[in-house]
C-alpha cells in the first residue's frame, strides 16, 4: 500500500498532504476540529478518500506521540 501522506517542499510549502491532493493534514484536522464531518470533507474534495482522512489523523497522532518536551533552567 503506498504512503497516503507525502511531504514535498514543492507542494503546499512542504506541509504534509494527502497523496494525490493538495489537502494538508493540518486542513483535515482543522475541519474535523471545527465540527465538519468526514462526509462533508469528502463532498467538498472529490479527490479525497476516507482512507486519506484516516491517514491524516494517524499521521498527526504519530507526530504528537513523537513530540517531547524538554525542561530548561529559567534564567
N, C-alpha and C. Protein backbone atom coordinates (compact mmCIF):
# COMPACT_ATOMS: atom_id res chain seq x y z
N UNK A 1 0.85 -1.18 0.00
CA UNK A 1 0.00 0.00 0.00
C UNK A 1 0.89 1.24 0.00
N UNK A 2 0.70 2.14 -0.95
CA UNK A 2 1.54 3.35 -0.99
C UNK A 2 1.26 4.24 0.21
N UNK A 3 2.25 5.06 0.54
CA UNK A 3 2.05 6.00 1.63
C UNK A 3 0.97 7.00 1.25
N UNK A 4 0.05 7.22 2.15
CA UNK A 4 -1.04 8.13 1.86
C UNK A 4 -0.74 9.57 2.24
N UNK A 5 0.32 9.77 3.03
CA UNK A 5 0.72 11.12 3.39
C UNK A 5 2.10 11.37 2.79
N UNK A 6 2.23 12.48 2.08
CA UNK A 6 3.50 12.82 1.46
C UNK A 6 3.94 14.20 1.90
N UNK A 7 5.26 14.41 1.85
CA UNK A 7 5.84 15.71 2.16
C UNK A 7 6.79 16.04 1.03
N UNK A 8 6.53 17.15 0.37
CA UNK A 8 7.35 17.60 -0.75
C UNK A 8 7.45 19.11 -0.67
N UNK A 9 8.67 19.64 -0.60
CA UNK A 9 8.82 21.10 -0.48
C UNK A 9 8.15 21.87 -1.61
N UNK A 10 7.87 21.22 -2.72
CA UNK A 10 7.26 21.90 -3.87
C UNK A 10 5.73 21.90 -3.80
N UNK A 11 5.18 21.18 -2.82
CA UNK A 11 3.71 21.10 -2.70
C UNK A 11 3.30 21.67 -1.35
N UNK A 12 2.48 22.68 -1.39
CA UNK A 12 1.93 23.32 -0.18
C UNK A 12 3.03 23.71 0.82
N UNK A 13 4.15 24.18 0.30
CA UNK A 13 5.23 24.65 1.17
C UNK A 13 5.87 23.56 2.00
N UNK A 14 5.72 22.32 1.60
CA UNK A 14 6.34 21.22 2.33
C UNK A 14 5.50 20.67 3.47
N UNK A 15 4.28 21.17 3.61
CA UNK A 15 3.41 20.62 4.65
C UNK A 15 2.97 19.21 4.25
N UNK A 16 2.72 18.34 5.22
CA UNK A 16 2.22 17.00 4.89
C UNK A 16 0.85 17.09 4.23
N UNK A 17 0.71 16.40 3.10
CA UNK A 17 -0.56 16.39 2.36
C UNK A 17 -1.00 14.96 2.10
N UNK A 18 -2.26 14.80 1.82
CA UNK A 18 -2.79 13.50 1.42
C UNK A 18 -2.35 13.28 -0.02
N UNK A 19 -1.71 12.16 -0.27
CA UNK A 19 -1.13 11.86 -1.58
C UNK A 19 -2.13 12.07 -2.70
N UNK A 20 -1.66 12.70 -3.77
CA UNK A 20 -2.51 12.93 -4.93
C UNK A 20 -3.43 14.13 -4.80
N UNK A 21 -3.30 14.87 -3.69
CA UNK A 21 -4.14 16.04 -3.47
C UNK A 21 -3.25 17.18 -2.98
N UNK A 22 -3.85 18.33 -2.82
CA UNK A 22 -3.18 19.45 -2.16
C UNK A 22 -3.86 19.71 -0.81
N UNK A 23 -4.50 18.69 -0.27
CA UNK A 23 -5.20 18.78 1.01
C UNK A 23 -4.20 18.44 2.11
N UNK A 24 -3.94 19.41 2.99
CA UNK A 24 -2.96 19.20 4.04
C UNK A 24 -3.56 18.46 5.24
N UNK A 25 -2.68 17.80 5.97
CA UNK A 25 -3.09 17.16 7.22
C UNK A 25 -3.65 18.22 8.15
N UNK A 26 -3.02 19.37 8.19
CA UNK A 26 -3.47 20.47 9.03
C UNK A 26 -4.91 20.87 8.70
N UNK A 27 -5.22 20.97 7.41
CA UNK A 27 -6.57 21.35 6.98
C UNK A 27 -7.60 20.32 7.43
N UNK A 28 -7.28 19.04 7.26
CA UNK A 28 -8.21 17.97 7.67
C UNK A 28 -8.49 18.07 9.16
N UNK A 29 -7.43 18.21 9.96
CA UNK A 29 -7.62 18.29 11.41
C UNK A 29 -8.41 19.53 11.80
N UNK A 30 -8.12 20.66 11.13
CA UNK A 30 -8.84 21.89 11.41
C UNK A 30 -10.33 21.73 11.12
N UNK A 31 -10.64 21.14 9.98
CA UNK A 31 -12.04 20.96 9.61
C UNK A 31 -12.77 20.01 10.57
N UNK A 32 -12.12 18.91 10.90
CA UNK A 32 -12.74 17.98 11.85
C UNK A 32 -12.89 18.62 13.22
N UNK A 33 -11.89 19.39 13.63
CA UNK A 33 -11.92 20.07 14.92
C UNK A 33 -13.00 21.14 15.00
N UNK A 34 -13.39 21.67 13.86
CA UNK A 34 -14.45 22.67 13.83
C UNK A 34 -15.82 22.07 13.55
N UNK A 35 -15.91 20.76 13.70
CA UNK A 35 -17.21 20.10 13.64
C UNK A 35 -17.66 19.61 12.28
N UNK A 36 -16.81 19.74 11.26
CA UNK A 36 -17.18 19.21 9.95
C UNK A 36 -17.05 17.70 9.96
N UNK A 37 -17.90 17.04 9.25
CA UNK A 37 -17.89 15.57 9.23
C UNK A 37 -16.98 15.07 8.11
N UNK A 38 -16.64 13.80 8.20
CA UNK A 38 -15.86 13.16 7.14
C UNK A 38 -16.63 13.24 5.83
N UNK A 39 -17.92 13.03 5.88
CA UNK A 39 -18.76 13.11 4.68
C UNK A 39 -18.67 14.50 4.05
N UNK A 40 -18.72 15.54 4.86
CA UNK A 40 -18.60 16.90 4.34
C UNK A 40 -17.25 17.12 3.66
N UNK A 41 -16.19 16.60 4.29
CA UNK A 41 -14.86 16.72 3.67
C UNK A 41 -14.81 16.00 2.33
N UNK A 42 -15.37 14.82 2.29
CA UNK A 42 -15.37 14.04 1.05
C UNK A 42 -16.19 14.73 -0.03
N UNK A 43 -17.30 15.31 0.33
CA UNK A 43 -18.14 16.01 -0.64
C UNK A 43 -17.46 17.27 -1.17
N UNK A 44 -16.69 17.92 -0.32
CA UNK A 44 -16.04 19.17 -0.70
C UNK A 44 -14.74 18.98 -1.48
N UNK A 45 -14.20 17.77 -1.44
CA UNK A 45 -12.91 17.49 -2.08
C UNK A 45 -13.00 16.15 -2.80
N UNK A 46 -13.40 16.17 -4.06
CA UNK A 46 -13.66 14.93 -4.81
C UNK A 46 -12.49 13.95 -4.87
N UNK A 47 -11.25 14.43 -4.81
CA UNK A 47 -10.10 13.52 -4.88
C UNK A 47 -9.74 12.92 -3.51
N UNK A 48 -10.36 13.42 -2.47
CA UNK A 48 -10.10 12.94 -1.12
C UNK A 48 -10.83 11.62 -0.89
N UNK A 49 -10.21 10.74 -0.10
CA UNK A 49 -10.83 9.47 0.25
C UNK A 49 -10.93 9.34 1.76
N UNK A 50 -11.79 8.46 2.19
CA UNK A 50 -11.91 8.17 3.62
C UNK A 50 -10.56 7.68 4.17
N UNK A 51 -9.87 6.85 3.39
CA UNK A 51 -8.57 6.33 3.81
C UNK A 51 -7.56 7.46 3.96
N UNK A 52 -7.64 8.44 3.08
CA UNK A 52 -6.75 9.60 3.16
C UNK A 52 -7.00 10.40 4.43
N UNK A 53 -8.25 10.58 4.77
CA UNK A 53 -8.60 11.30 6.01
C UNK A 53 -8.10 10.53 7.22
N UNK A 54 -8.32 9.22 7.23
CA UNK A 54 -7.83 8.39 8.34
C UNK A 54 -6.31 8.45 8.43
N UNK A 55 -5.63 8.47 7.29
CA UNK A 55 -4.18 8.56 7.29
C UNK A 55 -3.71 9.89 7.85
N UNK A 56 -4.44 10.97 7.55
CA UNK A 56 -4.09 12.29 8.07
C UNK A 56 -4.19 12.31 9.59
N UNK A 57 -5.25 11.74 10.11
CA UNK A 57 -5.42 11.69 11.57
C UNK A 57 -4.33 10.82 12.20
N UNK A 58 -4.04 9.69 11.61
CA UNK A 58 -2.98 8.81 12.13
C UNK A 58 -1.63 9.50 12.09
N UNK A 59 -1.36 10.23 11.00
CA UNK A 59 -0.10 10.95 10.88
C UNK A 59 0.05 11.95 12.03
N UNK A 60 -1.02 12.69 12.30
CA UNK A 60 -0.98 13.68 13.38
C UNK A 60 -0.78 13.02 14.73
N UNK A 61 -1.45 11.90 14.96
CA UNK A 61 -1.29 11.18 16.22
C UNK A 61 0.16 10.73 16.39
N UNK A 62 0.74 10.16 15.33
CA UNK A 62 2.13 9.71 15.39
C UNK A 62 3.08 10.87 15.65
N UNK A 63 2.82 12.02 15.02
CA UNK A 63 3.68 13.19 15.22
C UNK A 63 3.61 13.66 16.68
N UNK A 64 2.42 13.64 17.25
CA UNK A 64 2.28 14.06 18.65
C UNK A 64 2.91 13.05 19.60
N UNK A 65 2.80 11.78 19.28
CA UNK A 65 3.44 10.76 20.13
C UNK A 65 4.95 10.95 20.16
N UNK A 66 5.52 11.36 19.04
CA UNK A 66 6.97 11.53 18.93
C UNK A 66 7.46 12.83 19.59
N UNK A 67 6.54 13.75 19.85
CA UNK A 67 6.92 15.04 20.41
C UNK A 67 7.37 14.89 21.86
N UNK A 68 8.44 15.54 22.20
CA UNK A 68 8.95 15.51 23.57
C UNK A 68 9.16 16.93 24.07
N UNK A 69 8.86 17.15 25.33
CA UNK A 69 9.06 18.46 25.94
C UNK A 69 10.31 18.35 26.80
N UNK A 70 11.20 19.32 26.61
CA UNK A 70 12.45 19.35 27.37
C UNK A 70 12.44 20.56 28.27
N UNK A 71 12.58 20.33 29.58
CA UNK A 71 12.60 21.42 30.54
C UNK A 71 13.98 22.09 30.49
N UNK A 72 13.97 23.41 30.56
CA UNK A 72 15.22 24.16 30.62
C UNK A 72 15.23 25.01 31.88
N UNK A 73 16.40 25.33 32.33
CA UNK A 73 16.53 26.17 33.52
C UNK A 73 16.12 27.60 33.18
N UNK A 74 15.33 28.20 34.05
CA UNK A 74 14.90 29.59 33.83
C UNK A 74 16.10 30.51 34.09
N UNK A 75 16.15 31.55 33.33
CA UNK A 75 17.20 32.46 33.67
C UNK A 75 17.71 33.23 32.60
